[in-house]
Amino acid sequence: PDRVTALEKIGFRWNVFAAWEERLDDLQEFHKRYKHCNVPRDFREIPQLLMWTMTQRKTYKLYTKGKPSPMTPYRVTALEKIGFVWDLSASTWRKRLGELRE
């Protein structure tokens, strides 16, 4: 019991699905506030959110290549529903190109 309590005090989640859902909720709140899902490197309010979004992109890449990954169709849909961008560099390039055209 002491080990369980110690782990829970530092935020350990026993249910991985629940932990994923919590981060999704955090990202949804971020999106409501900032109107995008691209968490900046210096975002301090929820420090783990940047790493979580980076992990989603990595696991999605594996998923699309048919490699073992925790990414699922449910997760892909949930993220895309709020406008999650899978490839930031391509998205930034398209945005900058559009700005040049204006």
N, C-alpha and C. Protein backbone atom coordinates (compact mmCIF):
# COMPACT_ATOMS: atom_id res chain seq x y z
N PRO A 1 0.80 -1.21 0.00
CA PRO A 1 0.00 0.00 0.00
C PRO A 1 0.85 1.28 0.00
N ASP A 2 2.02 1.26 0.68
CA ASP A 2 2.86 2.45 0.72
C ASP A 2 3.37 2.81 -0.68
N ARG A 3 3.71 1.83 -1.45
CA ARG A 3 4.19 2.09 -2.82
C ARG A 3 3.07 2.64 -3.69
N VAL A 4 1.89 2.08 -3.53
CA VAL A 4 0.72 2.56 -4.29
C VAL A 4 0.47 4.02 -3.96
N THR A 5 0.44 4.34 -2.70
CA THR A 5 0.20 5.72 -2.26
C THR A 5 1.28 6.66 -2.79
N ALA A 6 2.52 6.24 -2.71
CA ALA A 6 3.63 7.06 -3.20
C ALA A 6 3.50 7.34 -4.68
N LEU A 7 3.14 6.32 -5.45
CA LEU A 7 2.97 6.51 -6.90
C LEU A 7 1.79 7.43 -7.20
N GLU A 8 0.71 7.26 -6.50
CA GLU A 8 -0.46 8.09 -6.74
C GLU A 8 -0.21 9.55 -6.36
N LYS A 9 0.62 9.78 -5.34
CA LYS A 9 0.94 11.15 -4.93
C LYS A 9 1.70 11.91 -6.01
N ILE A 10 2.45 11.20 -6.83
CA ILE A 10 3.20 11.87 -7.91
C ILE A 10 2.44 11.84 -9.24
N GLY A 11 1.16 11.44 -9.19
CA GLY A 11 0.32 11.51 -10.38
C GLY A 11 0.29 10.26 -11.24
N PHE A 12 0.79 9.14 -10.74
CA PHE A 12 0.77 7.90 -11.52
C PHE A 12 -0.66 7.49 -11.80
N ARG A 13 -0.92 7.09 -13.03
CA ARG A 13 -2.26 6.66 -13.45
C ARG A 13 -2.25 5.16 -13.68
N TRP A 14 -3.14 4.46 -13.03
CA TRP A 14 -3.21 3.01 -13.16
C TRP A 14 -3.92 2.62 -14.44
N ASN A 15 -4.81 3.45 -14.90
CA ASN A 15 -5.57 3.16 -16.11
C ASN A 15 -5.00 4.02 -17.24
N VAL A 16 -4.27 3.41 -18.15
CA VAL A 16 -3.62 4.15 -19.23
C VAL A 16 -4.64 4.86 -20.11
N PHE A 17 -5.78 4.22 -20.36
CA PHE A 17 -6.81 4.85 -21.19
C PHE A 17 -7.30 6.13 -20.52
N ALA A 18 -7.50 6.09 -19.20
CA ALA A 18 -7.96 7.28 -18.48
C ALA A 18 -6.92 8.39 -18.58
N ALA A 19 -5.64 8.04 -18.50
CA ALA A 19 -4.58 9.04 -18.61
C ALA A 19 -4.61 9.68 -20.00
N TRP A 20 -4.80 8.86 -21.05
CA TRP A 20 -4.87 9.39 -22.41
C TRP A 20 -6.05 10.35 -22.54
N GLU A 21 -7.18 9.97 -21.98
CA GLU A 21 -8.38 10.81 -22.03
C GLU A 21 -8.17 12.14 -21.29
N GLU A 22 -7.44 12.09 -20.18
CA GLU A 22 -7.16 13.32 -19.44
C GLU A 22 -6.34 14.29 -20.29
N ARG A 23 -5.33 13.78 -20.97
CA ARG A 23 -4.52 14.65 -21.84
C ARG A 23 -5.36 15.16 -23.00
N LEU A 24 -6.25 14.32 -23.54
CA LEU A 24 -7.14 14.78 -24.61
C LEU A 24 -8.01 15.93 -24.10
N ASP A 25 -8.52 15.79 -22.89
CA ASP A 25 -9.31 16.88 -22.29
C ASP A 25 -8.47 18.15 -22.17
N ASP A 26 -7.21 17.98 -21.75
CA ASP A 26 -6.31 19.14 -21.65
C ASP A 26 -6.11 19.79 -23.01
N LEU A 27 -5.94 18.96 -24.04
CA LEU A 27 -5.73 19.50 -25.39
C LEU A 27 -7.00 20.19 -25.89
N GLN A 28 -8.16 19.65 -25.56
CA GLN A 28 -9.41 20.30 -25.95
C GLN A 28 -9.53 21.68 -25.31
N GLU A 29 -9.15 21.78 -24.04
CA GLU A 29 -9.16 23.07 -23.35
C GLU A 29 -8.16 24.03 -23.99
N PHE A 30 -6.98 23.52 -24.31
CA PHE A 30 -5.96 24.33 -24.99
C PHE A 30 -6.54 24.86 -26.30
N HIS A 31 -7.19 23.98 -27.06
CA HIS A 31 -7.78 24.37 -28.36
C HIS A 31 -8.86 25.43 -28.19
N LYS A 32 -9.69 25.29 -27.18
CA LYS A 32 -10.73 26.30 -26.94
C LYS A 32 -10.11 27.66 -26.68
N ARG A 33 -9.02 27.66 -25.96
CA ARG A 33 -8.38 28.91 -25.57
C ARG A 33 -7.57 29.54 -26.69
N TYR A 34 -6.80 28.72 -27.42
CA TYR A 34 -5.86 29.24 -28.41
C TYR A 34 -6.27 29.01 -29.87
N LYS A 35 -7.36 28.28 -30.07
CA LYS A 35 -7.91 28.03 -31.43
C LYS A 35 -7.01 27.18 -32.31
N HIS A 36 -6.12 26.42 -31.72
CA HIS A 36 -5.28 25.46 -32.44
C HIS A 36 -4.79 24.41 -31.46
N CYS A 37 -4.14 23.37 -31.96
CA CYS A 37 -3.65 22.27 -31.12
C CYS A 37 -2.13 22.17 -31.11
N ASN A 38 -1.45 23.18 -31.58
CA ASN A 38 0.01 23.14 -31.67
C ASN A 38 0.62 23.72 -30.40
N VAL A 39 0.80 22.88 -29.41
CA VAL A 39 1.30 23.30 -28.11
C VAL A 39 2.75 23.78 -28.25
N PRO A 40 3.03 25.03 -27.85
CA PRO A 40 4.40 25.54 -27.98
C PRO A 40 5.34 24.92 -26.95
N ARG A 41 6.60 24.93 -27.26
CA ARG A 41 7.62 24.34 -26.38
C ARG A 41 7.67 25.01 -25.01
N ASP A 42 7.31 26.27 -24.95
CA ASP A 42 7.40 26.99 -23.68
C ASP A 42 6.07 27.05 -22.92
N PHE A 43 5.12 26.21 -23.28
CA PHE A 43 3.82 26.19 -22.61
C PHE A 43 3.98 25.60 -21.21
N ARG A 44 3.73 26.40 -20.20
CA ARG A 44 4.01 26.01 -18.81
C ARG A 44 2.77 25.56 -18.02
N GLU A 45 1.59 25.91 -18.50
CA GLU A 45 0.38 25.61 -17.73
C GLU A 45 0.18 24.11 -17.50
N ILE A 46 0.41 23.32 -18.54
CA ILE A 46 0.31 21.86 -18.45
C ILE A 46 1.58 21.33 -19.11
N PRO A 47 2.66 21.24 -18.34
CA PRO A 47 3.96 20.88 -18.92
C PRO A 47 3.96 19.58 -19.71
N GLN A 48 3.19 18.60 -19.29
CA GLN A 48 3.20 17.30 -19.97
C GLN A 48 2.43 17.31 -21.29
N LEU A 49 1.69 18.37 -21.58
CA LEU A 49 0.88 18.41 -22.80
C LEU A 49 1.74 18.44 -24.06
N LEU A 50 2.83 19.18 -24.05
CA LEU A 50 3.72 19.21 -25.22
C LEU A 50 4.25 17.81 -25.52
N MET A 51 4.77 17.13 -24.51
CA MET A 51 5.33 15.80 -24.72
C MET A 51 4.23 14.83 -25.19
N TRP A 52 3.05 14.98 -24.65
CA TRP A 52 1.94 14.11 -25.03
C TRP A 52 1.59 14.30 -26.51
N THR A 53 1.53 15.57 -26.97
CA THR A 53 1.20 15.81 -28.38
C THR A 53 2.31 15.27 -29.29
N MET A 54 3.56 15.41 -28.85
CA MET A 54 4.67 14.87 -29.64
C MET A 54 4.57 13.34 -29.73
N THR A 55 4.19 12.72 -28.63
CA THR A 55 4.02 11.27 -28.61
C THR A 55 2.89 10.84 -29.52
N GLN A 56 1.81 11.61 -29.57
CA GLN A 56 0.69 11.26 -30.46
C GLN A 56 1.14 11.28 -31.91
N ARG A 57 1.96 12.26 -32.26
CA ARG A 57 2.46 12.33 -33.64
C ARG A 57 3.37 11.15 -33.97
N LYS A 58 4.22 10.79 -33.03
CA LYS A 58 5.12 9.64 -33.25
C LYS A 58 4.35 8.34 -33.37
N THR A 59 3.38 8.13 -32.48
CA THR A 59 2.63 6.87 -32.52
C THR A 59 1.73 6.81 -33.75
N TYR A 60 1.25 7.97 -34.21
CA TYR A 60 0.44 8.01 -35.43
C TYR A 60 1.28 7.61 -36.64
N LYS A 61 2.51 8.10 -36.67
CA LYS A 61 3.41 7.77 -37.78
C LYS A 61 3.64 6.25 -37.84
N LEU A 62 3.87 5.64 -36.69
CA LEU A 62 4.03 4.19 -36.64
C LEU A 62 2.76 3.49 -37.10
N TYR A 63 1.64 3.98 -36.61
CA TYR A 63 0.32 3.42 -36.93
C TYR A 63 0.07 3.44 -38.44
N THR A 64 0.39 4.57 -39.08
CA THR A 64 0.14 4.68 -40.52
C THR A 64 1.07 3.79 -41.34
N LYS A 65 2.19 3.40 -40.74
CA LYS A 65 3.13 2.50 -41.42
C LYS A 65 2.85 1.04 -41.10
N GLY A 66 1.79 0.78 -40.32
CA GLY A 66 1.43 -0.59 -39.98
C GLY A 66 2.31 -1.21 -38.91
N LYS A 67 3.05 -0.39 -38.19
CA LYS A 67 3.94 -0.89 -37.14
C LYS A 67 3.20 -0.88 -35.80
N PRO A 68 3.69 -1.64 -34.83
CA PRO A 68 3.04 -1.65 -33.51
C PRO A 68 2.99 -0.24 -32.91
N SER A 69 1.82 0.11 -32.42
CA SER A 69 1.60 1.46 -31.92
C SER A 69 0.38 1.48 -31.01
N PRO A 70 0.39 2.31 -29.99
CA PRO A 70 -0.82 2.44 -29.16
C PRO A 70 -1.91 3.29 -29.82
N MET A 71 -1.61 3.86 -30.98
CA MET A 71 -2.61 4.66 -31.68
C MET A 71 -3.72 3.75 -32.17
N THR A 72 -4.94 4.26 -32.09
CA THR A 72 -6.13 3.49 -32.51
C THR A 72 -7.00 4.38 -33.40
N PRO A 73 -7.91 3.78 -34.15
CA PRO A 73 -8.84 4.60 -34.94
C PRO A 73 -9.63 5.58 -34.06
N TYR A 74 -10.01 5.15 -32.87
CA TYR A 74 -10.73 6.03 -31.95
C TYR A 74 -9.89 7.27 -31.62
N ARG A 75 -8.63 7.05 -31.31
CA ARG A 75 -7.75 8.17 -30.96
C ARG A 75 -7.52 9.10 -32.14
N VAL A 76 -7.32 8.53 -33.31
CA VAL A 76 -7.14 9.35 -34.51
C VAL A 76 -8.35 10.25 -34.71
N THR A 77 -9.54 9.67 -34.64
CA THR A 77 -10.78 10.42 -34.83
C THR A 77 -10.94 11.50 -33.77
N ALA A 78 -10.67 11.14 -32.51
CA ALA A 78 -10.82 12.10 -31.41
C ALA A 78 -9.89 13.30 -31.60
N LEU A 79 -8.68 13.04 -32.01
CA LEU A 79 -7.71 14.12 -32.22
C LEU A 79 -8.06 14.96 -33.45
N GLU A 80 -8.43 14.31 -34.54
CA GLU A 80 -8.76 15.04 -35.76
C GLU A 80 -10.03 15.88 -35.57
N LYS A 81 -10.91 15.42 -34.72
CA LYS A 81 -12.16 16.13 -34.45
C LYS A 81 -11.90 17.54 -33.91
N ILE A 82 -10.80 17.72 -33.19
CA ILE A 82 -10.48 19.04 -32.64
C ILE A 82 -9.41 19.76 -33.47
N GLY A 83 -9.08 19.22 -34.63
CA GLY A 83 -8.14 19.90 -35.53
C GLY A 83 -6.68 19.62 -35.27
N PHE A 84 -6.38 18.47 -34.70
CA PHE A 84 -4.99 18.11 -34.43
C PHE A 84 -4.23 17.95 -35.74
N VAL A 85 -3.05 18.55 -35.82
CA VAL A 85 -2.21 18.49 -37.01
C VAL A 85 -1.15 17.42 -36.79
N TRP A 86 -1.12 16.44 -37.69
CA TRP A 86 -0.17 15.32 -37.53
C TRP A 86 1.24 15.70 -37.96
N ASP A 87 1.38 16.48 -39.02
CA ASP A 87 2.69 16.83 -39.54
C ASP A 87 2.86 18.35 -39.45
N LEU A 88 3.51 18.79 -38.39
CA LEU A 88 3.66 20.23 -38.15
C LEU A 88 4.50 20.92 -39.21
N SER A 89 5.56 20.27 -39.67
CA SER A 89 6.42 20.94 -40.65
C SER A 89 5.68 21.17 -41.96
N ALA A 90 4.92 20.19 -42.41
CA ALA A 90 4.14 20.36 -43.65
C ALA A 90 3.07 21.43 -43.46
N SER A 91 2.45 21.44 -42.31
CA SER A 91 1.41 22.43 -42.03
C SER A 91 2.00 23.84 -42.01
N THR A 92 3.13 23.99 -41.37
CA THR A 92 3.79 25.30 -41.31
C THR A 92 4.20 25.76 -42.70
N TRP A 93 4.73 24.85 -43.50
CA TRP A 93 5.15 25.18 -44.86
C TRP A 93 3.95 25.68 -45.67
N ARG A 94 2.83 24.95 -45.59
CA ARG A 94 1.63 25.36 -46.33
C ARG A 94 1.13 26.73 -45.86
N LYS A 95 1.19 26.96 -44.55
CA LYS A 95 0.76 28.25 -43.99
C LYS A 95 1.64 29.38 -44.52
N ARG A 96 2.94 29.18 -44.48
CA ARG A 96 3.88 30.21 -44.95
C ARG A 96 3.71 30.46 -46.45
N LEU A 97 3.50 29.41 -47.21
CA LEU A 97 3.27 29.57 -48.64
C LEU A 97 2.03 30.39 -48.90
N GLY A 98 0.98 30.11 -48.15
CA GLY A 98 -0.25 30.90 -48.27
C GLY A 98 -0.03 32.36 -47.94
N GLU A 99 0.79 32.63 -46.94
CA GLU A 99 1.10 34.01 -46.57
C GLU A 99 1.86 34.71 -47.69
N LEU A 100 2.76 34.01 -48.35
CA LEU A 100 3.50 34.59 -49.46
C LEU A 100 2.57 34.93 -50.64
N ARG A 101 1.55 34.10 -50.83
CA ARG A 101 0.62 34.33 -51.93
C ARG A 101 -0.26 35.54 -51.71
N GLU A 102 -0.46 35.92 -50.45
CA GLU A 102 -1.36 37.04 -50.14
C GLU A 102 -0.78 38.39 -50.49
